[in-house]
């Protein structure tokens, strides 16, 4: 069972629950305050967000890119990764407008994914 990382509990005063890559207050509302469920959701999100980012990065089919960006946006909103959600939304708009994603947009999205995944790894352990 997944648990908060020892020494850095999700209840700890060391964890700022509002100004991190994931808004843990939002996540707590979504999970009804169940810490074990928060950890499980974060680990599932960490795996899925990496998979969908790789799919978007490698895709050439416009439908796959659109679907991947939309999935990233929705999943990020669900767990409270609002910066990532905002960047995925901006990428959706860019792709709909231009029919392509600028390399910088994709790099920025990748950095947001890495930041969120790194944050999850720092607060949750297997």
N, C-alpha and C. Protein backbone atom coordinates (compact mmCIF):
# COMPACT_ATOMS: atom_id res chain seq x y z
N UNK A 1 0.83 -1.18 0.00
CA UNK A 1 0.00 0.00 0.00
C UNK A 1 0.88 1.24 0.00
N UNK A 2 0.51 2.22 -0.80
CA UNK A 2 1.29 3.44 -0.89
C UNK A 2 1.04 4.32 0.32
N UNK A 3 2.10 4.96 0.76
CA UNK A 3 2.03 5.81 1.94
C UNK A 3 2.77 7.11 1.69
N UNK A 4 2.46 8.12 2.50
CA UNK A 4 3.27 9.33 2.40
C UNK A 4 4.72 8.99 2.72
N UNK A 5 5.65 9.71 2.10
CA UNK A 5 7.07 9.50 2.32
C UNK A 5 7.38 9.73 3.80
N UNK A 6 8.16 8.82 4.43
CA UNK A 6 8.52 8.99 5.84
C UNK A 6 9.20 10.34 6.06
N UNK A 7 8.81 11.00 7.12
CA UNK A 7 9.41 12.28 7.47
C UNK A 7 8.75 13.46 6.78
N UNK A 8 7.98 13.22 5.73
CA UNK A 8 7.27 14.30 5.04
C UNK A 8 5.83 13.85 4.84
N UNK A 9 5.07 13.82 5.91
CA UNK A 9 3.67 13.42 5.85
C UNK A 9 2.88 14.46 5.08
N UNK A 10 1.83 14.02 4.43
CA UNK A 10 0.96 14.97 3.75
C UNK A 10 0.30 15.91 4.75
N UNK A 11 0.31 15.55 6.03
CA UNK A 11 -0.22 16.41 7.08
C UNK A 11 0.85 17.33 7.64
N UNK A 12 2.09 17.12 7.28
CA UNK A 12 3.22 17.85 7.83
C UNK A 12 3.14 19.34 7.52
N UNK A 13 3.60 20.15 8.44
CA UNK A 13 3.65 21.58 8.20
C UNK A 13 4.72 21.90 7.16
N UNK A 14 5.61 20.93 6.86
CA UNK A 14 6.65 21.13 5.84
C UNK A 14 6.08 21.08 4.43
N UNK A 15 4.89 20.53 4.27
CA UNK A 15 4.27 20.43 2.95
C UNK A 15 3.29 21.58 2.78
N UNK A 16 3.63 22.50 1.90
CA UNK A 16 2.75 23.61 1.56
C UNK A 16 1.68 23.04 0.63
N UNK A 17 0.46 23.00 1.09
CA UNK A 17 -0.60 22.32 0.37
C UNK A 17 -1.23 23.18 -0.73
N UNK A 18 -0.79 24.42 -0.92
CA UNK A 18 -1.45 25.27 -1.90
C UNK A 18 -0.53 25.83 -2.99
N UNK A 19 0.76 25.97 -2.76
CA UNK A 19 1.60 26.61 -3.78
C UNK A 19 2.64 25.67 -4.37
N UNK A 20 2.32 24.43 -4.47
CA UNK A 20 3.18 23.41 -5.07
C UNK A 20 2.62 23.01 -6.42
N UNK A 21 3.34 22.16 -7.16
CA UNK A 21 2.84 21.74 -8.48
C UNK A 21 1.47 21.05 -8.41
N UNK A 22 1.13 20.54 -7.25
CA UNK A 22 -0.20 19.94 -7.05
C UNK A 22 -0.83 20.62 -5.84
N UNK A 23 -2.02 21.11 -6.02
CA UNK A 23 -2.77 21.74 -4.93
C UNK A 23 -3.35 20.61 -4.07
N UNK A 24 -2.69 20.35 -2.95
CA UNK A 24 -3.10 19.23 -2.10
C UNK A 24 -4.42 19.50 -1.37
N UNK A 25 -4.79 20.76 -1.24
CA UNK A 25 -6.11 21.08 -0.67
C UNK A 25 -7.20 20.62 -1.64
N UNK A 26 -7.00 20.91 -2.92
CA UNK A 26 -7.94 20.45 -3.95
C UNK A 26 -8.01 18.92 -3.96
N UNK A 27 -6.84 18.29 -3.92
CA UNK A 27 -6.80 16.82 -3.93
C UNK A 27 -7.52 16.25 -2.70
N UNK A 28 -7.32 16.86 -1.56
CA UNK A 28 -7.99 16.39 -0.33
C UNK A 28 -9.51 16.49 -0.48
N UNK A 29 -9.98 17.55 -1.10
CA UNK A 29 -11.44 17.67 -1.33
C UNK A 29 -11.91 16.56 -2.26
N UNK A 30 -11.13 16.25 -3.28
CA UNK A 30 -11.51 15.22 -4.25
C UNK A 30 -11.53 13.83 -3.63
N UNK A 31 -10.68 13.61 -2.63
CA UNK A 31 -10.56 12.29 -2.01
C UNK A 31 -11.24 12.25 -0.64
N UNK A 32 -11.99 13.28 -0.32
CA UNK A 32 -12.69 13.38 0.96
C UNK A 32 -11.74 13.25 2.15
N UNK A 33 -10.53 13.74 1.97
CA UNK A 33 -9.55 13.76 3.06
C UNK A 33 -8.90 12.42 3.37
N UNK A 34 -9.11 11.43 2.55
CA UNK A 34 -8.53 10.10 2.77
C UNK A 34 -7.08 10.10 2.27
N UNK A 35 -6.12 10.13 3.20
CA UNK A 35 -4.70 10.25 2.84
C UNK A 35 -4.21 9.06 2.01
N UNK A 36 -4.66 7.87 2.36
CA UNK A 36 -4.23 6.69 1.59
C UNK A 36 -4.74 6.78 0.15
N UNK A 37 -5.96 7.26 0.00
CA UNK A 37 -6.51 7.43 -1.34
C UNK A 37 -5.76 8.53 -2.10
N UNK A 38 -5.40 9.62 -1.41
CA UNK A 38 -4.59 10.67 -2.04
C UNK A 38 -3.30 10.09 -2.62
N UNK A 39 -2.63 9.27 -1.83
CA UNK A 39 -1.37 8.66 -2.28
C UNK A 39 -1.60 7.77 -3.48
N UNK A 40 -2.64 6.98 -3.44
CA UNK A 40 -2.94 6.08 -4.55
C UNK A 40 -3.26 6.87 -5.82
N UNK A 41 -4.06 7.90 -5.69
CA UNK A 41 -4.41 8.73 -6.83
C UNK A 41 -3.17 9.41 -7.41
N UNK A 42 -2.31 9.93 -6.54
CA UNK A 42 -1.09 10.59 -7.01
C UNK A 42 -0.18 9.63 -7.76
N UNK A 43 -0.01 8.42 -7.27
CA UNK A 43 0.85 7.44 -7.96
C UNK A 43 0.25 7.06 -9.31
N UNK A 44 -1.06 6.85 -9.36
CA UNK A 44 -1.69 6.52 -10.64
C UNK A 44 -1.53 7.69 -11.61
N UNK A 45 -1.74 8.90 -11.13
CA UNK A 45 -1.59 10.08 -11.96
C UNK A 45 -0.16 10.21 -12.47
N UNK A 46 0.80 9.98 -11.59
CA UNK A 46 2.21 10.09 -11.97
C UNK A 46 2.53 9.16 -13.15
N UNK A 47 2.04 7.95 -13.11
CA UNK A 47 2.29 7.00 -14.20
C UNK A 47 1.55 7.41 -15.47
N UNK A 48 0.30 7.77 -15.33
CA UNK A 48 -0.51 8.08 -16.50
C UNK A 48 -0.08 9.35 -17.20
N UNK A 49 0.29 10.37 -16.43
CA UNK A 49 0.68 11.64 -17.04
C UNK A 49 1.95 11.47 -17.87
N UNK A 50 2.86 10.65 -17.40
CA UNK A 50 4.08 10.39 -18.16
C UNK A 50 3.76 9.65 -19.46
N UNK A 51 2.86 8.68 -19.39
CA UNK A 51 2.46 7.91 -20.57
C UNK A 51 1.80 8.82 -21.61
N UNK A 52 0.86 9.65 -21.16
CA UNK A 52 0.15 10.51 -22.11
C UNK A 52 1.05 11.59 -22.69
N UNK A 53 2.00 12.10 -21.90
CA UNK A 53 2.92 13.08 -22.46
C UNK A 53 3.78 12.42 -23.55
N UNK A 54 4.25 11.22 -23.31
CA UNK A 54 5.05 10.52 -24.32
C UNK A 54 4.23 10.27 -25.58
N UNK A 55 2.96 9.93 -25.40
CA UNK A 55 2.09 9.71 -26.57
C UNK A 55 1.92 10.99 -27.38
N UNK A 56 1.70 12.10 -26.69
CA UNK A 56 1.56 13.38 -27.39
C UNK A 56 2.86 13.72 -28.11
N UNK A 57 3.98 13.51 -27.45
CA UNK A 57 5.28 13.85 -28.02
C UNK A 57 5.58 13.04 -29.28
N UNK A 58 5.15 11.79 -29.28
CA UNK A 58 5.47 10.90 -30.40
C UNK A 58 4.40 10.86 -31.49
N UNK A 59 3.22 11.36 -31.18
CA UNK A 59 2.09 11.23 -32.11
C UNK A 59 2.26 12.09 -33.35
N UNK A 60 1.75 11.56 -34.44
CA UNK A 60 1.69 12.32 -35.69
C UNK A 60 0.24 12.50 -36.13
N UNK A 61 -0.65 11.67 -35.61
CA UNK A 61 -2.07 11.75 -35.94
C UNK A 61 -2.72 12.89 -35.14
N UNK A 62 -3.36 13.84 -35.81
CA UNK A 62 -3.97 14.97 -35.10
C UNK A 62 -4.97 14.55 -34.02
N UNK A 63 -5.74 13.50 -34.29
CA UNK A 63 -6.71 13.04 -33.29
C UNK A 63 -6.00 12.55 -32.02
N UNK A 64 -4.91 11.83 -32.19
CA UNK A 64 -4.15 11.32 -31.03
C UNK A 64 -3.55 12.47 -30.22
N UNK A 65 -3.06 13.49 -30.90
CA UNK A 65 -2.50 14.65 -30.20
C UNK A 65 -3.60 15.37 -29.43
N UNK A 66 -4.72 15.61 -30.08
CA UNK A 66 -5.84 16.28 -29.43
C UNK A 66 -6.33 15.49 -28.22
N UNK A 67 -6.50 14.20 -28.40
CA UNK A 67 -6.96 13.34 -27.32
C UNK A 67 -5.96 13.33 -26.16
N UNK A 68 -4.68 13.22 -26.47
CA UNK A 68 -3.65 13.19 -25.44
C UNK A 68 -3.59 14.48 -24.64
N UNK A 69 -3.65 15.62 -25.33
CA UNK A 69 -3.63 16.91 -24.64
C UNK A 69 -4.86 17.08 -23.76
N UNK A 70 -6.01 16.68 -24.29
CA UNK A 70 -7.25 16.79 -23.52
C UNK A 70 -7.21 15.90 -22.28
N UNK A 71 -6.65 14.71 -22.43
CA UNK A 71 -6.53 13.80 -21.30
C UNK A 71 -5.58 14.35 -20.24
N UNK A 72 -4.45 14.89 -20.69
CA UNK A 72 -3.50 15.52 -19.75
C UNK A 72 -4.17 16.65 -18.98
N UNK A 73 -4.89 17.49 -19.70
CA UNK A 73 -5.56 18.62 -19.07
C UNK A 73 -6.57 18.15 -18.03
N UNK A 74 -7.42 17.24 -18.39
CA UNK A 74 -8.46 16.77 -17.48
C UNK A 74 -7.91 16.06 -16.26
N UNK A 75 -6.93 15.20 -16.47
CA UNK A 75 -6.33 14.47 -15.35
C UNK A 75 -5.62 15.44 -14.40
N UNK A 76 -4.92 16.41 -14.97
CA UNK A 76 -4.21 17.40 -14.14
C UNK A 76 -5.20 18.22 -13.32
N UNK A 77 -6.29 18.63 -13.92
CA UNK A 77 -7.31 19.37 -13.18
C UNK A 77 -7.88 18.53 -12.04
N UNK A 78 -8.08 17.25 -12.31
CA UNK A 78 -8.68 16.37 -11.31
C UNK A 78 -7.87 16.23 -10.05
N UNK A 79 -6.55 16.22 -10.17
CA UNK A 79 -5.70 16.06 -8.98
C UNK A 79 -5.22 17.38 -8.42
N UNK A 80 -5.48 18.48 -9.13
CA UNK A 80 -5.04 19.78 -8.63
C UNK A 80 -3.72 20.26 -9.19
N UNK A 81 -3.27 19.68 -10.29
CA UNK A 81 -2.03 20.13 -10.95
C UNK A 81 -2.42 21.22 -11.94
N UNK A 82 -2.77 22.39 -11.41
CA UNK A 82 -3.39 23.44 -12.21
C UNK A 82 -2.44 24.08 -13.22
N UNK A 83 -1.16 24.19 -12.90
CA UNK A 83 -0.21 24.75 -13.87
C UNK A 83 -0.08 23.81 -15.06
N UNK A 84 0.04 22.53 -14.79
CA UNK A 84 0.11 21.55 -15.87
C UNK A 84 -1.18 21.58 -16.69
N UNK A 85 -2.32 21.65 -16.02
CA UNK A 85 -3.60 21.72 -16.73
C UNK A 85 -3.67 22.95 -17.63
N UNK A 86 -3.20 24.07 -17.12
CA UNK A 86 -3.20 25.31 -17.89
C UNK A 86 -2.28 25.21 -19.11
N UNK A 87 -1.13 24.59 -18.94
CA UNK A 87 -0.22 24.43 -20.07
C UNK A 87 -0.78 23.46 -21.11
N UNK A 88 -1.44 22.41 -20.65
CA UNK A 88 -2.07 21.47 -21.58
C UNK A 88 -3.20 22.17 -22.34
N UNK A 89 -3.94 23.02 -21.65
CA UNK A 89 -5.02 23.78 -22.31
C UNK A 89 -4.44 24.72 -23.36
N UNK A 90 -3.38 25.41 -23.02
CA UNK A 90 -2.73 26.31 -23.98
C UNK A 90 -2.22 25.54 -25.20
N UNK A 91 -1.69 24.35 -24.96
CA UNK A 91 -1.22 23.50 -26.07
C UNK A 91 -2.40 23.05 -26.93
N UNK A 92 -3.53 22.74 -26.29
CA UNK A 92 -4.74 22.38 -27.05
C UNK A 92 -5.16 23.51 -27.98
N UNK A 93 -5.17 24.73 -27.44
CA UNK A 93 -5.56 25.89 -28.23
C UNK A 93 -4.59 26.11 -29.39
N UNK A 94 -3.29 26.02 -29.09
CA UNK A 94 -2.28 26.18 -30.13
C UNK A 94 -2.44 25.14 -31.22
N UNK A 95 -2.66 23.88 -30.82
CA UNK A 95 -2.79 22.81 -31.81
C UNK A 95 -4.05 22.99 -32.66
N UNK A 96 -5.15 23.39 -32.02
CA UNK A 96 -6.39 23.62 -32.76
C UNK A 96 -6.23 24.78 -33.75
N UNK A 97 -5.50 25.80 -33.36
CA UNK A 97 -5.30 26.99 -34.19
C UNK A 97 -4.30 26.73 -35.33
N UNK A 98 -3.16 26.10 -34.99
CA UNK A 98 -2.06 25.98 -35.94
C UNK A 98 -1.93 24.61 -36.60
N UNK A 99 -2.55 23.61 -36.01
CA UNK A 99 -2.42 22.25 -36.54
C UNK A 99 -1.09 21.60 -36.19
N UNK A 100 -0.32 22.26 -35.33
CA UNK A 100 0.97 21.73 -34.90
C UNK A 100 1.30 22.29 -33.53
N UNK A 101 2.23 21.64 -32.85
CA UNK A 101 2.71 22.14 -31.56
C UNK A 101 4.12 22.65 -31.73
N UNK A 102 4.36 23.85 -31.29
CA UNK A 102 5.68 24.44 -31.29
C UNK A 102 6.59 23.62 -30.37
N UNK A 103 7.85 23.48 -30.73
CA UNK A 103 8.80 22.73 -29.90
C UNK A 103 8.89 23.30 -28.48
N UNK A 104 8.81 24.61 -28.37
CA UNK A 104 8.88 25.25 -27.05
C UNK A 104 7.66 24.88 -26.21
N UNK A 105 6.50 24.83 -26.83
CA UNK A 105 5.28 24.45 -26.12
C UNK A 105 5.41 23.03 -25.59
N UNK A 106 5.89 22.14 -26.43
CA UNK A 106 6.07 20.75 -26.03
C UNK A 106 7.12 20.64 -24.92
N UNK A 107 8.19 21.41 -25.02
CA UNK A 107 9.23 21.40 -23.98
C UNK A 107 8.68 21.93 -22.66
N UNK A 108 7.89 23.00 -22.73
CA UNK A 108 7.29 23.55 -21.51
C UNK A 108 6.34 22.55 -20.86
N UNK A 109 5.57 21.87 -21.68
CA UNK A 109 4.65 20.85 -21.17
C UNK A 109 5.45 19.72 -20.53
N UNK A 110 6.54 19.32 -21.16
CA UNK A 110 7.40 18.27 -20.60
C UNK A 110 8.00 18.67 -19.26
N UNK A 111 8.41 19.94 -19.14
CA UNK A 111 8.95 20.41 -17.87
C UNK A 111 7.89 20.41 -16.78
N UNK A 112 6.66 20.79 -17.13
CA UNK A 112 5.57 20.77 -16.15
C UNK A 112 5.27 19.34 -15.71
N UNK A 113 5.29 18.40 -16.64
CA UNK A 113 5.08 16.99 -16.31
C UNK A 113 6.18 16.51 -15.37
N UNK A 114 7.43 16.83 -15.69
CA UNK A 114 8.56 16.42 -14.86
C UNK A 114 8.47 17.02 -13.47
N UNK A 115 8.07 18.28 -13.38
CA UNK A 115 7.95 18.94 -12.08
C UNK A 115 6.87 18.27 -11.22
N UNK A 116 5.74 17.98 -11.83
CA UNK A 116 4.65 17.32 -11.10
C UNK A 116 5.08 15.92 -10.65
N UNK A 117 5.69 15.17 -11.55
CA UNK A 117 6.14 13.81 -11.19
C UNK A 117 7.21 13.84 -10.11
N UNK A 118 8.12 14.78 -10.19
CA UNK A 118 9.14 14.92 -9.16
C UNK A 118 8.54 15.27 -7.82
N UNK A 119 7.56 16.14 -7.83
CA UNK A 119 6.89 16.52 -6.58
C UNK A 119 6.17 15.33 -5.97
N UNK A 120 5.48 14.56 -6.80
CA UNK A 120 4.79 13.37 -6.29
C UNK A 120 5.80 12.42 -5.67
N UNK A 121 6.91 12.19 -6.33
CA UNK A 121 7.96 11.30 -5.79
C UNK A 121 8.51 11.81 -4.47
N UNK A 122 8.52 13.12 -4.30
CA UNK A 122 9.08 13.68 -3.07
C UNK A 122 8.15 13.55 -1.88
N UNK A 123 6.85 13.37 -2.12
CA UNK A 123 5.91 13.32 -0.99
C UNK A 123 5.24 11.97 -0.79
N UNK A 124 5.37 11.06 -1.77
CA UNK A 124 4.71 9.75 -1.68
C UNK A 124 5.74 8.66 -1.93
N UNK A 125 5.66 7.62 -1.15
CA UNK A 125 6.55 6.48 -1.34
C UNK A 125 5.72 5.22 -1.54
N UNK A 126 6.30 4.22 -2.19
CA UNK A 126 5.58 2.94 -2.42
C UNK A 126 5.46 2.16 -1.14
